[in-house]
Amino acid sequence: MDRKETGFSIKTIAVVYAAVIVAALFYFVILQNFGYQGLKFTLEGKDRVLAPLDALILLSALASLALLAVSVSAFSRKRDMRLFVLSLAFFFFTLRQFLFLMDNFFPGENIYIFHAVHTFDVLILLSFIFLMYKAR
């Protein structure tokens, strides 16, 4: 788990990922004015009808949160770099699902979640690439 073994430290990876998250928050809150419409919650979602899709979006967000909790718990016990990166991947997946929740249940906000979703997809894939590199 030392730097000579991987070339990266946990702090370095965390700083890079935190910078991406801060940039994404800046993009949504400042540049796209997210939250300036009053954040009017709609139980029925974008389609204005309470449908199975709304429950599916909520369940996928809860399942991703559960995966994040399990991976963070495993990392806190073992303190392994691979578990840390896996926890980050699940963290980004959870944020991705949270964006879908925001987009569905706050339809009055004009946000382009697909920009951030693709950013999180890249970070998730980079995390898995790093895990495969580390496993060699």
N, C-alpha and C. Protein backbone atom coordinates (compact mmCIF):
# COMPACT_ATOMS: atom_id res chain seq x y z
N MET A 1 0.81 -1.18 0.00
CA MET A 1 0.00 0.00 0.00
C MET A 1 0.86 1.26 0.00
N ASP A 2 2.15 1.13 -0.03
CA ASP A 2 2.97 2.33 -0.06
C ASP A 2 3.10 2.85 -1.48
N ARG A 3 3.66 4.06 -1.62
CA ARG A 3 3.75 4.71 -2.90
C ARG A 3 4.65 3.98 -3.88
N LYS A 4 5.71 3.37 -3.42
CA LYS A 4 6.63 2.67 -4.31
C LYS A 4 5.95 1.50 -4.99
N GLU A 5 5.00 0.91 -4.30
CA GLU A 5 4.31 -0.26 -4.84
C GLU A 5 3.35 0.12 -5.97
N THR A 6 2.63 1.21 -5.85
CA THR A 6 1.60 1.54 -6.82
C THR A 6 1.93 2.75 -7.68
N GLY A 7 2.76 3.65 -7.21
CA GLY A 7 3.00 4.88 -7.93
C GLY A 7 2.01 5.96 -7.54
N PHE A 8 0.94 5.62 -6.85
CA PHE A 8 -0.08 6.56 -6.42
C PHE A 8 -0.31 6.39 -4.93
N SER A 9 -0.67 7.48 -4.29
CA SER A 9 -1.07 7.37 -2.89
C SER A 9 -2.58 7.61 -2.80
N ILE A 10 -3.14 7.22 -1.70
CA ILE A 10 -4.58 7.43 -1.50
C ILE A 10 -4.88 8.92 -1.53
N LYS A 11 -4.03 9.72 -0.94
CA LYS A 11 -4.26 11.17 -0.93
C LYS A 11 -4.23 11.75 -2.33
N THR A 12 -3.31 11.30 -3.16
CA THR A 12 -3.22 11.81 -4.53
C THR A 12 -4.48 11.49 -5.32
N ILE A 13 -4.94 10.26 -5.23
CA ILE A 13 -6.16 9.86 -5.93
C ILE A 13 -7.35 10.64 -5.40
N ALA A 14 -7.44 10.80 -4.10
CA ALA A 14 -8.55 11.53 -3.50
C ALA A 14 -8.56 12.99 -3.93
N VAL A 15 -7.40 13.60 -4.03
CA VAL A 15 -7.32 15.01 -4.45
C VAL A 15 -7.76 15.16 -5.90
N VAL A 16 -7.33 14.26 -6.77
CA VAL A 16 -7.73 14.34 -8.17
C VAL A 16 -9.24 14.16 -8.30
N TYR A 17 -9.79 13.17 -7.63
CA TYR A 17 -11.23 12.94 -7.71
C TYR A 17 -12.00 14.10 -7.07
N ALA A 18 -11.52 14.64 -5.97
CA ALA A 18 -12.19 15.77 -5.33
C ALA A 18 -12.20 16.99 -6.26
N ALA A 19 -11.13 17.19 -6.99
CA ALA A 19 -11.08 18.31 -7.93
C ALA A 19 -12.14 18.16 -9.02
N VAL A 20 -12.34 16.94 -9.49
CA VAL A 20 -13.37 16.70 -10.51
C VAL A 20 -14.76 16.96 -9.93
N ILE A 21 -14.98 16.53 -8.70
CA ILE A 21 -16.29 16.74 -8.07
C ILE A 21 -16.56 18.23 -7.85
N VAL A 22 -15.56 18.96 -7.38
CA VAL A 22 -15.73 20.41 -7.18
C VAL A 22 -16.01 21.11 -8.50
N ALA A 23 -15.30 20.70 -9.55
CA ALA A 23 -15.54 21.29 -10.87
C ALA A 23 -16.95 20.99 -11.35
N ALA A 24 -17.44 19.76 -11.12
CA ALA A 24 -18.80 19.40 -11.53
C ALA A 24 -19.83 20.20 -10.73
N LEU A 25 -19.62 20.36 -9.43
CA LEU A 25 -20.53 21.17 -8.61
C LEU A 25 -20.55 22.62 -9.09
N PHE A 26 -19.39 23.16 -9.39
CA PHE A 26 -19.30 24.53 -9.91
C PHE A 26 -20.10 24.64 -11.21
N TYR A 27 -19.92 23.64 -12.06
CA TYR A 27 -20.62 23.64 -13.35
C TYR A 27 -22.13 23.64 -13.17
N PHE A 28 -22.64 22.79 -12.26
CA PHE A 28 -24.08 22.70 -12.09
C PHE A 28 -24.67 23.87 -11.32
N VAL A 29 -24.03 24.25 -10.23
CA VAL A 29 -24.62 25.29 -9.39
C VAL A 29 -24.40 26.68 -9.97
N ILE A 30 -23.20 26.99 -10.41
CA ILE A 30 -22.91 28.33 -10.89
C ILE A 30 -23.27 28.49 -12.37
N LEU A 31 -22.77 27.62 -13.22
CA LEU A 31 -22.95 27.80 -14.66
C LEU A 31 -24.34 27.40 -15.15
N GLN A 32 -24.96 26.39 -14.53
CA GLN A 32 -26.29 25.98 -14.97
C GLN A 32 -27.39 26.47 -14.03
N ASN A 33 -27.03 27.18 -12.98
CA ASN A 33 -28.00 27.77 -12.05
C ASN A 33 -28.90 26.73 -11.39
N PHE A 34 -28.35 25.57 -11.05
CA PHE A 34 -29.16 24.56 -10.39
C PHE A 34 -29.57 25.05 -9.01
N GLY A 35 -30.83 24.93 -8.69
CA GLY A 35 -31.35 25.36 -7.40
C GLY A 35 -31.94 26.75 -7.41
N TYR A 36 -31.79 27.48 -8.50
CA TYR A 36 -32.30 28.84 -8.57
C TYR A 36 -33.78 28.88 -8.92
N GLN A 37 -34.36 27.74 -9.28
CA GLN A 37 -35.79 27.67 -9.59
C GLN A 37 -36.61 27.33 -8.35
N GLY A 38 -35.98 27.19 -7.20
CA GLY A 38 -36.70 26.92 -5.96
C GLY A 38 -36.75 25.46 -5.56
N LEU A 39 -36.15 24.57 -6.34
CA LEU A 39 -36.12 23.14 -6.05
C LEU A 39 -37.50 22.60 -5.68
N LYS A 40 -38.43 22.72 -6.60
CA LYS A 40 -39.79 22.24 -6.37
C LYS A 40 -39.85 20.74 -6.62
N PHE A 41 -40.08 20.00 -5.54
CA PHE A 41 -40.13 18.54 -5.59
C PHE A 41 -41.44 18.09 -6.20
N THR A 42 -41.38 17.09 -7.08
CA THR A 42 -42.56 16.51 -7.69
C THR A 42 -42.51 15.00 -7.50
N LEU A 43 -43.42 14.48 -6.71
CA LEU A 43 -43.44 13.05 -6.41
C LEU A 43 -43.63 12.20 -7.66
N GLU A 44 -44.37 12.72 -8.61
CA GLU A 44 -44.66 11.96 -9.82
C GLU A 44 -43.50 11.96 -10.81
N GLY A 45 -42.52 12.80 -10.60
CA GLY A 45 -41.37 12.86 -11.50
C GLY A 45 -41.63 13.68 -12.73
N LYS A 46 -40.74 13.55 -13.69
CA LYS A 46 -40.81 14.35 -14.91
C LYS A 46 -42.07 14.10 -15.72
N ASP A 47 -42.53 12.87 -15.75
CA ASP A 47 -43.68 12.54 -16.59
C ASP A 47 -45.02 12.87 -15.94
N ARG A 48 -44.98 13.40 -14.73
CA ARG A 48 -46.17 13.84 -13.98
C ARG A 48 -47.13 12.70 -13.67
N VAL A 49 -46.65 11.47 -13.72
CA VAL A 49 -47.46 10.30 -13.39
C VAL A 49 -46.60 9.41 -12.50
N LEU A 50 -47.15 8.99 -11.36
CA LEU A 50 -46.42 8.08 -10.49
C LEU A 50 -46.35 6.72 -11.19
N ALA A 51 -45.15 6.36 -11.64
CA ALA A 51 -44.97 5.16 -12.45
C ALA A 51 -43.90 4.27 -11.84
N PRO A 52 -43.82 3.02 -12.31
CA PRO A 52 -42.77 2.13 -11.82
C PRO A 52 -41.36 2.68 -12.04
N LEU A 53 -41.17 3.50 -13.06
CA LEU A 53 -39.87 4.10 -13.30
C LEU A 53 -39.41 4.94 -12.12
N ASP A 54 -40.32 5.67 -11.50
CA ASP A 54 -39.97 6.48 -10.34
C ASP A 54 -39.47 5.62 -9.19
N ALA A 55 -40.16 4.50 -8.95
CA ALA A 55 -39.73 3.58 -7.90
C ALA A 55 -38.39 2.94 -8.25
N LEU A 56 -38.19 2.63 -9.52
CA LEU A 56 -36.94 2.02 -9.97
C LEU A 56 -35.76 2.97 -9.79
N ILE A 57 -35.97 4.24 -10.09
CA ILE A 57 -34.92 5.24 -9.91
C ILE A 57 -34.56 5.35 -8.43
N LEU A 58 -35.58 5.37 -7.57
CA LEU A 58 -35.34 5.46 -6.13
C LEU A 58 -34.65 4.21 -5.61
N LEU A 59 -35.08 3.03 -6.04
CA LEU A 59 -34.45 1.78 -5.59
C LEU A 59 -33.01 1.65 -6.06
N SER A 60 -32.71 2.08 -7.27
CA SER A 60 -31.33 2.00 -7.75
C SER A 60 -30.43 2.96 -6.97
N ALA A 61 -30.96 4.11 -6.58
CA ALA A 61 -30.17 5.03 -5.76
C ALA A 61 -29.91 4.43 -4.38
N LEU A 62 -30.92 3.80 -3.79
CA LEU A 62 -30.74 3.17 -2.48
C LEU A 62 -29.79 1.98 -2.55
N ALA A 63 -29.87 1.19 -3.63
CA ALA A 63 -28.96 0.05 -3.79
C ALA A 63 -27.53 0.53 -3.97
N SER A 64 -27.32 1.60 -4.71
CA SER A 64 -25.96 2.11 -4.89
C SER A 64 -25.42 2.66 -3.57
N LEU A 65 -26.29 3.25 -2.77
CA LEU A 65 -25.87 3.73 -1.45
C LEU A 65 -25.48 2.56 -0.55
N ALA A 66 -26.22 1.46 -0.64
CA ALA A 66 -25.88 0.26 0.14
C ALA A 66 -24.54 -0.32 -0.30
N LEU A 67 -24.28 -0.37 -1.60
CA LEU A 67 -22.99 -0.84 -2.10
C LEU A 67 -21.86 0.05 -1.61
N LEU A 68 -22.09 1.34 -1.60
CA LEU A 68 -21.09 2.27 -1.10
C LEU A 68 -20.80 2.01 0.38
N ALA A 69 -21.83 1.81 1.17
CA ALA A 69 -21.65 1.55 2.60
C ALA A 69 -20.86 0.27 2.84
N VAL A 70 -21.16 -0.78 2.08
CA VAL A 70 -20.44 -2.05 2.24
C VAL A 70 -18.97 -1.89 1.86
N SER A 71 -18.70 -1.19 0.75
CA SER A 71 -17.30 -1.04 0.32
C SER A 71 -16.51 -0.15 1.27
N VAL A 72 -17.12 0.89 1.80
CA VAL A 72 -16.43 1.76 2.77
C VAL A 72 -16.17 0.99 4.06
N SER A 73 -17.12 0.17 4.46
CA SER A 73 -16.92 -0.66 5.65
C SER A 73 -15.77 -1.63 5.46
N ALA A 74 -15.70 -2.25 4.28
CA ALA A 74 -14.60 -3.17 3.99
C ALA A 74 -13.26 -2.43 3.97
N PHE A 75 -13.24 -1.23 3.41
CA PHE A 75 -12.00 -0.45 3.37
C PHE A 75 -11.57 -0.05 4.79
N SER A 76 -12.53 0.32 5.62
CA SER A 76 -12.17 0.74 6.98
C SER A 76 -11.59 -0.42 7.80
N ARG A 77 -11.97 -1.65 7.46
CA ARG A 77 -11.41 -2.81 8.16
C ARG A 77 -10.03 -3.19 7.64
N LYS A 78 -9.85 -3.17 6.33
CA LYS A 78 -8.62 -3.71 5.74
C LYS A 78 -7.59 -2.66 5.35
N ARG A 79 -8.02 -1.44 5.06
CA ARG A 79 -7.11 -0.36 4.64
C ARG A 79 -6.27 -0.75 3.43
N ASP A 80 -6.92 -1.31 2.43
CA ASP A 80 -6.24 -1.72 1.21
C ASP A 80 -6.54 -0.70 0.11
N MET A 81 -5.53 -0.37 -0.70
CA MET A 81 -5.68 0.60 -1.78
C MET A 81 -6.76 0.17 -2.77
N ARG A 82 -6.85 -1.12 -3.07
CA ARG A 82 -7.86 -1.60 -4.01
C ARG A 82 -9.28 -1.37 -3.47
N LEU A 83 -9.48 -1.59 -2.19
CA LEU A 83 -10.80 -1.34 -1.59
C LEU A 83 -11.12 0.16 -1.58
N PHE A 84 -10.09 0.98 -1.42
CA PHE A 84 -10.30 2.43 -1.45
C PHE A 84 -10.77 2.86 -2.84
N VAL A 85 -10.10 2.37 -3.87
CA VAL A 85 -10.47 2.73 -5.24
C VAL A 85 -11.85 2.16 -5.59
N LEU A 86 -12.14 0.96 -5.12
CA LEU A 86 -13.47 0.38 -5.33
C LEU A 86 -14.53 1.23 -4.63
N SER A 87 -14.23 1.70 -3.44
CA SER A 87 -15.17 2.57 -2.72
C SER A 87 -15.39 3.87 -3.48
N LEU A 88 -14.33 4.39 -4.08
CA LEU A 88 -14.49 5.60 -4.89
C LEU A 88 -15.37 5.34 -6.11
N ALA A 89 -15.18 4.20 -6.74
CA ALA A 89 -16.02 3.85 -7.89
C ALA A 89 -17.49 3.78 -7.48
N PHE A 90 -17.77 3.14 -6.34
CA PHE A 90 -19.16 3.08 -5.87
C PHE A 90 -19.66 4.44 -5.42
N PHE A 91 -18.78 5.29 -4.92
CA PHE A 91 -19.16 6.66 -4.56
C PHE A 91 -19.61 7.42 -5.80
N PHE A 92 -18.85 7.30 -6.89
CA PHE A 92 -19.22 7.97 -8.12
C PHE A 92 -20.49 7.38 -8.72
N PHE A 93 -20.67 6.08 -8.57
CA PHE A 93 -21.90 5.46 -9.04
C PHE A 93 -23.09 5.98 -8.23
N THR A 94 -22.90 6.15 -6.93
CA THR A 94 -23.97 6.69 -6.08
C THR A 94 -24.30 8.12 -6.48
N LEU A 95 -23.29 8.93 -6.74
CA LEU A 95 -23.53 10.30 -7.21
C LEU A 95 -24.27 10.31 -8.54
N ARG A 96 -23.92 9.38 -9.40
CA ARG A 96 -24.57 9.25 -10.70
C ARG A 96 -26.06 8.96 -10.51
N GLN A 97 -26.38 8.04 -9.60
CA GLN A 97 -27.78 7.72 -9.34
C GLN A 97 -28.50 8.90 -8.68
N PHE A 98 -27.80 9.63 -7.81
CA PHE A 98 -28.38 10.81 -7.18
C PHE A 98 -28.74 11.86 -8.22
N LEU A 99 -27.90 12.00 -9.25
CA LEU A 99 -28.21 12.95 -10.33
C LEU A 99 -29.50 12.55 -11.04
N PHE A 100 -29.70 11.25 -11.27
CA PHE A 100 -30.94 10.81 -11.89
C PHE A 100 -32.14 11.11 -10.98
N LEU A 101 -31.96 10.96 -9.67
CA LEU A 101 -33.03 11.32 -8.73
C LEU A 101 -33.38 12.80 -8.84
N MET A 102 -32.34 13.63 -8.84
CA MET A 102 -32.55 15.07 -8.92
C MET A 102 -33.25 15.44 -10.24
N ASP A 103 -32.81 14.84 -11.32
CA ASP A 103 -33.38 15.15 -12.62
C ASP A 103 -34.84 14.71 -12.71
N ASN A 104 -35.18 13.58 -12.08
CA ASN A 104 -36.54 13.06 -12.17
C ASN A 104 -37.49 13.78 -11.21
N PHE A 105 -37.08 13.99 -9.97
CA PHE A 105 -38.01 14.50 -8.96
C PHE A 105 -37.97 16.02 -8.79
N PHE A 106 -37.07 16.70 -9.48
CA PHE A 106 -37.04 18.16 -9.49
C PHE A 106 -37.07 18.61 -10.95
N PRO A 107 -38.19 18.35 -11.66
CA PRO A 107 -38.22 18.60 -13.10
C PRO A 107 -38.20 20.07 -13.49
N GLY A 108 -38.44 20.97 -12.55
CA GLY A 108 -38.43 22.39 -12.87
C GLY A 108 -37.05 22.96 -13.09
N GLU A 109 -36.04 22.23 -12.67
CA GLU A 109 -34.67 22.69 -12.83
C GLU A 109 -34.16 22.33 -14.22
N ASN A 110 -33.54 23.26 -14.85
CA ASN A 110 -32.95 22.99 -16.16
C ASN A 110 -31.50 22.59 -15.95
N ILE A 111 -31.28 21.30 -15.87
CA ILE A 111 -29.91 20.82 -15.72
C ILE A 111 -29.63 19.79 -16.80
N TYR A 112 -28.38 19.65 -17.11
CA TYR A 112 -27.95 18.69 -18.12
C TYR A 112 -27.14 17.63 -17.41
N ILE A 113 -27.84 16.67 -16.83
CA ILE A 113 -27.15 15.67 -16.02
C ILE A 113 -26.25 14.77 -16.84
N PHE A 114 -26.52 14.67 -18.11
CA PHE A 114 -25.73 13.75 -18.92
C PHE A 114 -24.28 14.18 -19.03
N HIS A 115 -24.01 15.47 -18.89
CA HIS A 115 -22.62 15.92 -18.85
C HIS A 115 -21.92 15.33 -17.64
N ALA A 116 -22.54 15.43 -16.49
CA ALA A 116 -21.94 14.90 -15.26
C ALA A 116 -21.96 13.38 -15.25
N VAL A 117 -23.00 12.79 -15.79
CA VAL A 117 -23.08 11.32 -15.82
C VAL A 117 -21.90 10.77 -16.61
N HIS A 118 -21.60 11.38 -17.73
CA HIS A 118 -20.46 10.91 -18.52
C HIS A 118 -19.14 11.14 -17.78
N THR A 119 -19.05 12.22 -17.03
CA THR A 119 -17.85 12.45 -16.22
C THR A 119 -17.70 11.37 -15.17
N PHE A 120 -18.80 11.03 -14.49
CA PHE A 120 -18.75 9.98 -13.48
C PHE A 120 -18.48 8.61 -14.12
N ASP A 121 -19.02 8.39 -15.30
CA ASP A 121 -18.72 7.13 -16.01
C ASP A 121 -17.22 6.99 -16.27
N VAL A 122 -16.60 8.08 -16.70
CA VAL A 122 -15.15 8.06 -16.95
C VAL A 122 -14.40 7.78 -15.65
N LEU A 123 -14.79 8.42 -14.56
CA LEU A 123 -14.11 8.20 -13.28
C LEU A 123 -14.31 6.77 -12.78
N ILE A 124 -15.50 6.21 -12.99
CA ILE A 124 -15.75 4.83 -12.58
C ILE A 124 -14.88 3.88 -13.40
N LEU A 125 -14.85 4.10 -14.71
CA LEU A 125 -14.04 3.25 -15.57
C LEU A 125 -12.55 3.38 -15.26
N LEU A 126 -12.09 4.60 -14.99
CA LEU A 126 -10.69 4.79 -14.59
C LEU A 126 -10.39 4.06 -13.29
N SER A 127 -11.34 4.06 -12.38
CA SER A 127 -11.15 3.33 -11.13
C SER A 127 -10.99 1.84 -11.38
N PHE A 128 -11.82 1.29 -12.26
CA PHE A 128 -11.70 -0.13 -12.57
C PHE A 128 -10.42 -0.45 -13.33
N ILE A 129 -10.00 0.46 -14.20
CA ILE A 129 -8.71 0.27 -14.90
C ILE A 129 -7.57 0.25 -13.88
N PHE A 130 -7.64 1.18 -12.93
CA PHE A 130 -6.62 1.22 -11.90
C PHE A 130 -6.62 -0.08 -11.08
N LEU A 131 -7.81 -0.58 -10.77
CA LEU A 131 -7.90 -1.84 -10.03
C LEU A 131 -7.30 -2.99 -10.81
N MET A 132 -7.53 -3.02 -12.10
CA MET A 132 -6.94 -4.08 -12.92
C MET A 132 -5.43 -3.92 -13.00
N TYR A 133 -4.95 -2.70 -13.08
CA TYR A 133 -3.50 -2.44 -13.09
C TYR A 133 -2.90 -2.87 -11.78
N LYS A 134 -3.57 -2.57 -10.68
CA LYS A 134 -3.08 -2.89 -9.34
C LYS A 134 -3.09 -4.40 -9.10
N ALA A 135 -4.03 -5.09 -9.69
CA ALA A 135 -4.15 -6.53 -9.46
C ALA A 135 -3.02 -7.33 -10.11
N ARG A 136 -2.33 -6.75 -11.09
CA ARG A 136 -1.24 -7.47 -11.76
C ARG A 136 -0.06 -7.68 -10.87
